[in-house]
PDB file of N, CA and C in Angstrom:
ATOM      1  N   MET A   1      24.944  -9.829  14.656  1.00  0.00           N
ATOM      2  CA  MET A   1      24.359  -8.972  13.641  1.00  0.00           C
ATOM      3  C   MET A   1      24.130  -9.815  12.390  1.00  0.00           C
ATOM      4  N   THR A   2      23.004  -9.581  11.731  1.00  0.00           N
ATOM      5  CA  THR A   2      22.659 -10.342  10.543  1.00  0.00           C
ATOM      6  C   THR A   2      23.299  -9.730   9.313  1.00  0.00           C
ATOM      7  N   ASN A   3      23.858 -10.562   8.484  1.00  0.00           N
ATOM      8  CA  ASN A   3      24.422 -10.119   7.221  1.00  0.00           C
ATOM      9  C   ASN A   3      23.266  -9.887   6.260  1.00  0.00           C
ATOM     10  N   ARG A   4      23.136  -8.682   5.705  1.00  0.00           N
ATOM     11  CA  ARG A   4      22.020  -8.354   4.822  1.00  0.00           C
ATOM     12  C   ARG A   4      21.960  -9.271   3.612  1.00  0.00           C
ATOM     13  N   GLN A   5      23.058  -9.848   3.210  1.00  0.00           N
ATOM     14  CA  GLN A   5      23.055 -10.760   2.075  1.00  0.00           C
ATOM     15  C   GLN A   5      22.351 -12.064   2.421  1.00  0.00           C
ATOM     16  N   ASP A   6      22.216 -12.371   3.705  1.00  0.00           N
ATOM     17  CA  ASP A   6      21.548 -13.598   4.126  1.00  0.00           C
ATOM     18  C   ASP A   6      20.032 -13.453   4.182  1.00  0.00           C
ATOM     19  N   ILE A   7      19.526 -12.223   4.077  1.00  0.00           N
ATOM     20  CA  ILE A   7      18.092 -11.982   4.144  1.00  0.00           C
ATOM     21  C   ILE A   7      17.499 -12.197   2.749  1.00  0.00           C
ATOM     22  N   PRO A   8      16.509 -13.087   2.619  1.00  0.00           N
ATOM     23  CA  PRO A   8      15.928 -13.320   1.295  1.00  0.00           C
ATOM     24  C   PRO A   8      15.176 -12.078   0.808  1.00  0.00           C
ATOM     25  N   ALA A   9      15.141 -11.901  -0.520  1.00  0.00           N
ATOM     26  CA  ALA A   9      14.422 -10.771  -1.105  1.00  0.00           C
ATOM     27  C   ALA A   9      12.939 -10.878  -0.765  1.00  0.00           C
ATOM     28  N   GLN A  10      12.347  -9.770  -0.411  1.00  0.00           N
ATOM     29  CA  GLN A  10      10.935  -9.738  -0.072  1.00  0.00           C
ATOM     30  C   GLN A  10      10.089  -9.789  -1.340  1.00  0.00           C
ATOM     31  N   GLN A  11       9.062 -10.598  -1.324  1.00  0.00           N
ATOM     32  CA  GLN A  11       8.107 -10.651  -2.419  1.00  0.00           C
ATOM     33  C   GLN A  11       7.041  -9.586  -2.168  1.00  0.00           C
ATOM     34  N   PRO A  12       6.486  -9.006  -3.238  1.00  0.00           N
ATOM     35  CA  PRO A  12       5.420  -8.032  -3.028  1.00  0.00           C
ATOM     36  C   PRO A  12       4.256  -8.657  -2.252  1.00  0.00           C
ATOM     37  N   ARG A  13       3.725  -7.893  -1.326  1.00  0.00           N
ATOM     38  CA  ARG A  13       2.585  -8.344  -0.546  1.00  0.00           C
ATOM     39  C   ARG A  13       1.346  -8.172  -1.410  1.00  0.00           C
ATOM     40  N   ARG A  14       0.531  -9.222  -1.525  1.00  0.00           N
ATOM     41  CA  ARG A  14      -0.708  -9.152  -2.294  1.00  0.00           C
ATOM     42  C   ARG A  14      -1.825  -8.690  -1.370  1.00  0.00           C
ATOM     43  N   LEU A  15      -2.519  -7.641  -1.771  1.00  0.00           N
ATOM     44  CA  LEU A  15      -3.584  -7.055  -0.964  1.00  0.00           C
ATOM     45  C   LEU A  15      -4.873  -6.988  -1.753  1.00  0.00           C
ATOM     46  N   ALA A  16      -5.977  -6.894  -1.040  1.00  0.00           N
ATOM     47  CA  ALA A  16      -7.275  -6.588  -1.641  1.00  0.00           C
ATOM     48  C   ALA A  16      -7.689  -5.237  -1.070  1.00  0.00           C
ATOM     49  N   CYS A  17      -8.083  -4.325  -1.930  1.00  0.00           N
ATOM     50  CA  CYS A  17      -8.489  -2.992  -1.512  1.00  0.00           C
ATOM     51  C   CYS A  17      -9.625  -3.095  -0.497  1.00  0.00           C
ATOM     52  N   SER A  18      -9.506  -2.344   0.585  1.00  0.00           N
ATOM     53  CA  SER A  18     -10.518  -2.359   1.643  1.00  0.00           C
ATOM     54  C   SER A  18     -11.860  -1.824   1.181  1.00  0.00           C
ATOM     55  N   ARG A  19     -11.864  -1.062   0.103  1.00  0.00           N
ATOM     56  CA  ARG A  19     -13.127  -0.453  -0.346  1.00  0.00           C
ATOM     57  C   ARG A  19     -13.764  -1.191  -1.517  1.00  0.00           C
ATOM     58  N   CYS A  20     -12.981  -1.560  -2.526  1.00  0.00           N
ATOM     59  CA  CYS A  20     -13.595  -2.172  -3.719  1.00  0.00           C
ATOM     60  C   CYS A  20     -13.219  -3.634  -3.928  1.00  0.00           C
ATOM     61  N   GLY A  21     -12.215  -4.121  -3.195  1.00  0.00           N
ATOM     62  CA  GLY A  21     -11.804  -5.515  -3.311  1.00  0.00           C
ATOM     63  C   GLY A  21     -10.806  -5.807  -4.422  1.00  0.00           C
ATOM     64  N   ALA A  22     -10.405  -4.783  -5.185  1.00  0.00           N
ATOM     65  CA  ALA A  22      -9.427  -4.989  -6.257  1.00  0.00           C
ATOM     66  C   ALA A  22      -8.103  -5.468  -5.666  1.00  0.00           C
ATOM     67  N   GLU A  23      -7.466  -6.423  -6.341  1.00  0.00           N
ATOM     68  CA  GLU A  23      -6.178  -6.932  -5.868  1.00  0.00           C
ATOM     69  C   GLU A  23      -5.046  -6.081  -6.426  1.00  0.00           C
ATOM     70  N   PHE A  24      -4.033  -5.869  -5.585  1.00  0.00           N
ATOM     71  CA  PHE A  24      -2.846  -5.137  -6.009  1.00  0.00           C
ATOM     72  C   PHE A  24      -1.676  -5.558  -5.145  1.00  0.00           C
ATOM     73  N   GLY A  25      -0.474  -5.184  -5.561  1.00  0.00           N
ATOM     74  CA  GLY A  25       0.727  -5.546  -4.823  1.00  0.00           C
ATOM     75  C   GLY A  25       1.298  -4.368  -4.071  1.00  0.00           C
ATOM     76  N   CYS A  26       1.959  -4.658  -2.953  1.00  0.00           N
ATOM     77  CA  CYS A  26       2.614  -3.642  -2.136  1.00  0.00           C
ATOM     78  C   CYS A  26       4.049  -4.109  -1.902  1.00  0.00           C
ATOM     79  N   GLU A  27       4.997  -3.262  -2.227  1.00  0.00           N
ATOM     80  CA  GLU A  27       6.404  -3.585  -2.027  1.00  0.00           C
ATOM     81  C   GLU A  27       6.799  -3.246  -0.594  1.00  0.00           C
ATOM     82  N   LEU A  28       7.146  -4.220   0.185  1.00  0.00           N
ATOM     83  CA  LEU A  28       7.524  -3.997   1.570  1.00  0.00           C
ATOM     84  C   LEU A  28       8.850  -3.249   1.701  1.00  0.00           C
ATOM     85  N   SER A  29       9.577  -3.149   0.596  1.00  0.00           N
ATOM     86  CA  SER A  29      10.869  -2.463   0.634  1.00  0.00           C
ATOM     87  C   SER A  29      10.721  -0.947   0.685  1.00  0.00           C
ATOM     88  N   GLY A  30       9.485  -0.464   0.598  1.00  0.00           N
ATOM     89  CA  GLY A  30       9.267   0.976   0.635  1.00  0.00           C
ATOM     90  C   GLY A  30       9.145   1.603  -0.735  1.00  0.00           C
ATOM     91  N   THR A  31       9.145   0.799  -1.788  1.00  0.00           N
ATOM     92  CA  THR A  31       9.019   1.331  -3.141  1.00  0.00           C
ATOM     93  C   THR A  31       7.607   1.113  -3.678  1.00  0.00           C
ATOM     94  N   CYS A  32       6.618   1.073  -2.801  1.00  0.00           N
ATOM     95  CA  CYS A  32       5.235   0.852  -3.210  1.00  0.00           C
ATOM     96  C   CYS A  32       4.740   2.022  -4.063  1.00  0.00           C
ATOM     97  N   TRP A  33       3.850   1.759  -4.994  1.00  0.00           N
ATOM     98  CA  TRP A  33       3.302   2.797  -5.862  1.00  0.00           C
ATOM     99  C   TRP A  33       2.657   3.925  -5.055  1.00  0.00           C
ATOM    100  N   CYS A  34       2.111   3.614  -3.877  1.00  0.00           N
ATOM    101  CA  CYS A  34       1.414   4.654  -3.103  1.00  0.00           C
ATOM    102  C   CYS A  34       2.377   5.740  -2.618  1.00  0.00           C
ATOM    103  N   ALA A  35       3.653   5.425  -2.513  1.00  0.00           N
ATOM    104  CA  ALA A  35       4.632   6.427  -2.095  1.00  0.00           C
ATOM    105  C   ALA A  35       4.783   7.525  -3.144  1.00  0.00           C
ATOM    106  N   GLU A  36       4.407   7.224  -4.390  1.00  0.00           N
ATOM    107  CA  GLU A  36       4.498   8.198  -5.471  1.00  0.00           C
ATOM    108  C   GLU A  36       3.256   9.082  -5.562  1.00  0.00           C
ATOM    109  N   GLU A  37       2.189   8.704  -4.871  1.00  0.00           N
ATOM    110  CA  GLU A  37       0.941   9.468  -4.916  1.00  0.00           C
ATOM    111  C   GLU A  37       1.097  10.781  -4.149  1.00  0.00           C
ATOM    112  N   THR A  38       0.453  11.817  -4.648  1.00  0.00           N
ATOM    113  CA  THR A  38       0.506  13.109  -3.971  1.00  0.00           C
ATOM    114  C   THR A  38      -0.503  13.179  -2.828  1.00  0.00           C
ATOM    115  N   ALA A  39      -1.529  12.336  -2.867  1.00  0.00           N
ATOM    116  CA  ALA A  39      -2.548  12.330  -1.805  1.00  0.00           C
ATOM    117  C   ALA A  39      -1.949  11.748  -0.540  1.00  0.00           C
ATOM    118  N   ARG A  40      -2.147  12.437   0.556  1.00  0.00           N
ATOM    119  CA  ARG A  40      -1.693  11.942   1.855  1.00  0.00           C
ATOM    120  C   ARG A  40      -2.890  11.994   2.794  1.00  0.00           C
ATOM    121  N   LEU A  41      -3.414  10.849   3.118  1.00  0.00           N
ATOM    122  CA  LEU A  41      -4.573  10.753   3.981  1.00  0.00           C
ATOM    123  C   LEU A  41      -4.171  10.134   5.309  1.00  0.00           C
ATOM    124  N   PRO A  42      -4.892  10.432   6.363  1.00  0.00           N
ATOM    125  CA  PRO A  42      -4.632   9.700   7.606  1.00  0.00           C
ATOM    126  C   PRO A  42      -5.139   8.276   7.450  1.00  0.00           C
ATOM    127  N   MET A  43      -4.247   7.335   7.256  1.00  0.00           N
ATOM    128  CA  MET A  43      -4.629   5.958   6.980  1.00  0.00           C
ATOM    129  C   MET A  43      -4.100   5.075   8.074  1.00  0.00           C
ATOM    130  N   PRO A  44      -4.655   3.975   8.340  1.00  0.00           N
ATOM    131  CA  PRO A  44      -5.933   3.514   7.776  1.00  0.00           C
ATOM    132  C   PRO A  44      -7.115   4.054   8.559  1.00  0.00           C
ATOM    133  N   VAL A  45      -8.227   4.149   7.888  1.00  0.00           N
ATOM    134  CA  VAL A  45      -9.493   4.459   8.542  1.00  0.00           C
ATOM    135  C   VAL A  45      -9.846   3.233   9.369  1.00  0.00           C
ATOM    136  N   LYS A  46     -10.504   3.416  10.480  1.00  0.00           N
ATOM    137  CA  LYS A  46     -10.806   2.291  11.365  1.00  0.00           C
ATOM    138  C   LYS A  46     -11.389   1.123  10.570  1.00  0.00           C
ATOM    139  N   GLY A  47     -10.751  -0.039  10.697  1.00  0.00           N
ATOM    140  CA  GLY A  47     -11.214  -1.250  10.028  1.00  0.00           C
ATOM    141  C   GLY A  47     -10.723  -1.412   8.602  1.00  0.00           C
ATOM    142  N   GLU A  48      -9.972  -0.436   8.088  1.00  0.00           N
ATOM    143  CA  GLU A  48      -9.479  -0.535   6.716  1.00  0.00           C
ATOM    144  C   GLU A  48      -7.981  -0.821   6.689  1.00  0.00           C
ATOM    145  N   ASP A  49      -7.563  -1.414   5.587  1.00  0.00           N
ATOM    146  CA  ASP A  49      -6.148  -1.602   5.297  1.00  0.00           C
ATOM    147  C   ASP A  49      -5.852  -0.686   4.111  1.00  0.00           C
ATOM    148  N   CYS A  50      -4.907  -1.020   3.303  1.00  0.00           N
ATOM    149  CA  CYS A  50      -4.537  -0.202   2.153  1.00  0.00           C
ATOM    150  C   CYS A  50      -5.662  -0.135   1.126  1.00  0.00           C
ATOM    151  N   LEU A  51      -5.621   0.936   0.337  1.00  0.00           N
ATOM    152  CA  LEU A  51      -6.572   1.128  -0.747  1.00  0.00           C
ATOM    153  C   LEU A  51      -5.844   0.999  -2.075  1.00  0.00           C
ATOM    154  N   CYS A  52      -6.580   0.579  -3.105  1.00  0.00           N
ATOM    155  CA  CYS A  52      -6.009   0.554  -4.450  1.00  0.00           C
ATOM    156  C   CYS A  52      -5.830   1.997  -4.923  1.00  0.00           C
ATOM    157  N   ARG A  53      -5.134   2.183  -6.015  1.00  0.00           N
ATOM    158  CA  ARG A  53      -4.848   3.529  -6.522  1.00  0.00           C
ATOM    159  C   ARG A  53      -6.141   4.313  -6.788  1.00  0.00           C
ATOM    160  N   ALA A  54      -7.132   3.694  -7.410  1.00  0.00           N
ATOM    161  CA  ALA A  54      -8.379   4.391  -7.740  1.00  0.00           C
ATOM    162  C   ALA A  54      -9.130   4.815  -6.480  1.00  0.00           C
ATOM    163  N   CYS A  55      -9.222   3.941  -5.499  1.00  0.00           N
ATOM    164  CA  CYS A  55      -9.937   4.278  -4.262  1.00  0.00           C
ATOM    165  C   CYS A  55      -9.175   5.309  -3.443  1.00  0.00           C
ATOM    166  N   LEU A  56      -7.841   5.259  -3.454  1.00  0.00           N
ATOM    167  CA  LEU A  56      -7.041   6.257  -2.751  1.00  0.00           C
ATOM    168  C   LEU A  56      -7.278   7.623  -3.348  1.00  0.00           C
ATOM    169  N   ARG A  57      -7.282   7.696  -4.686  1.00  0.00           N
ATOM    170  CA  ARG A  57      -7.522   8.984  -5.358  1.00  0.00           C
ATOM    171  C   ARG A  57      -8.946   9.478  -5.099  1.00  0.00           C
ATOM    172  N   ALA A  58      -9.920   8.584  -5.113  1.00  0.00           N
ATOM    173  CA  ALA A  58     -11.311   8.976  -4.854  1.00  0.00           C
ATOM    174  C   ALA A  58     -11.449   9.494  -3.428  1.00  0.00           C
ATOM    175  N   ALA A  59     -10.798   8.841  -2.478  1.00  0.00           N
ATOM    176  CA  ALA A  59     -10.865   9.287  -1.082  1.00  0.00           C
ATOM    177  C   ALA A  59     -10.222  10.653  -0.925  1.00  0.00           C
ATOM    178  N   ALA A  60      -9.122  10.892  -1.641  1.00  0.00           N
ATOM    179  CA  ALA A  60      -8.449  12.180  -1.561  1.00  0.00           C
ATOM    180  C   ALA A  60      -9.314  13.292  -2.141  1.00  0.00           C
ATOM    181  N   GLU A  61     -10.031  12.999  -3.223  1.00  0.00           N
ATOM    182  CA  GLU A  61     -10.899  13.995  -3.852  1.00  0.00           C
ATOM    183  C   GLU A  61     -12.099  14.320  -2.952  1.00  0.00           C
ATOM    184  N   ALA A  62     -12.540  13.352  -2.141  1.00  0.00           N
ATOM    185  CA  ALA A  62     -13.703  13.533  -1.282  1.00  0.00           C
ATOM    186  C   ALA A  62     -13.386  14.367  -0.052  1.00  0.00           C
ATOM    187  N   THR A  63     -12.094  14.549   0.249  1.00  0.00           N
ATOM    188  CA  THR A  63     -11.734  15.297   1.469  1.00  0.00           C
ATOM    189  C   THR A  63     -11.613  16.776   1.203  1.00  0.00           C
TER     190      THR A  63
END
């Protein structure tokens, strides 16, 4: 069994929004900003990865 203290801290994953190309960070620890959003969409759309906050909100408004 691995000692959790031996696991290095995860760095935020740098992403580019699938729709607009804006760069943003994603916390792999589960504390990503998107977890705080009220919009819940079936993601990802075929061929897409994560969306930036503005595109996520725009997609939610369009549904």
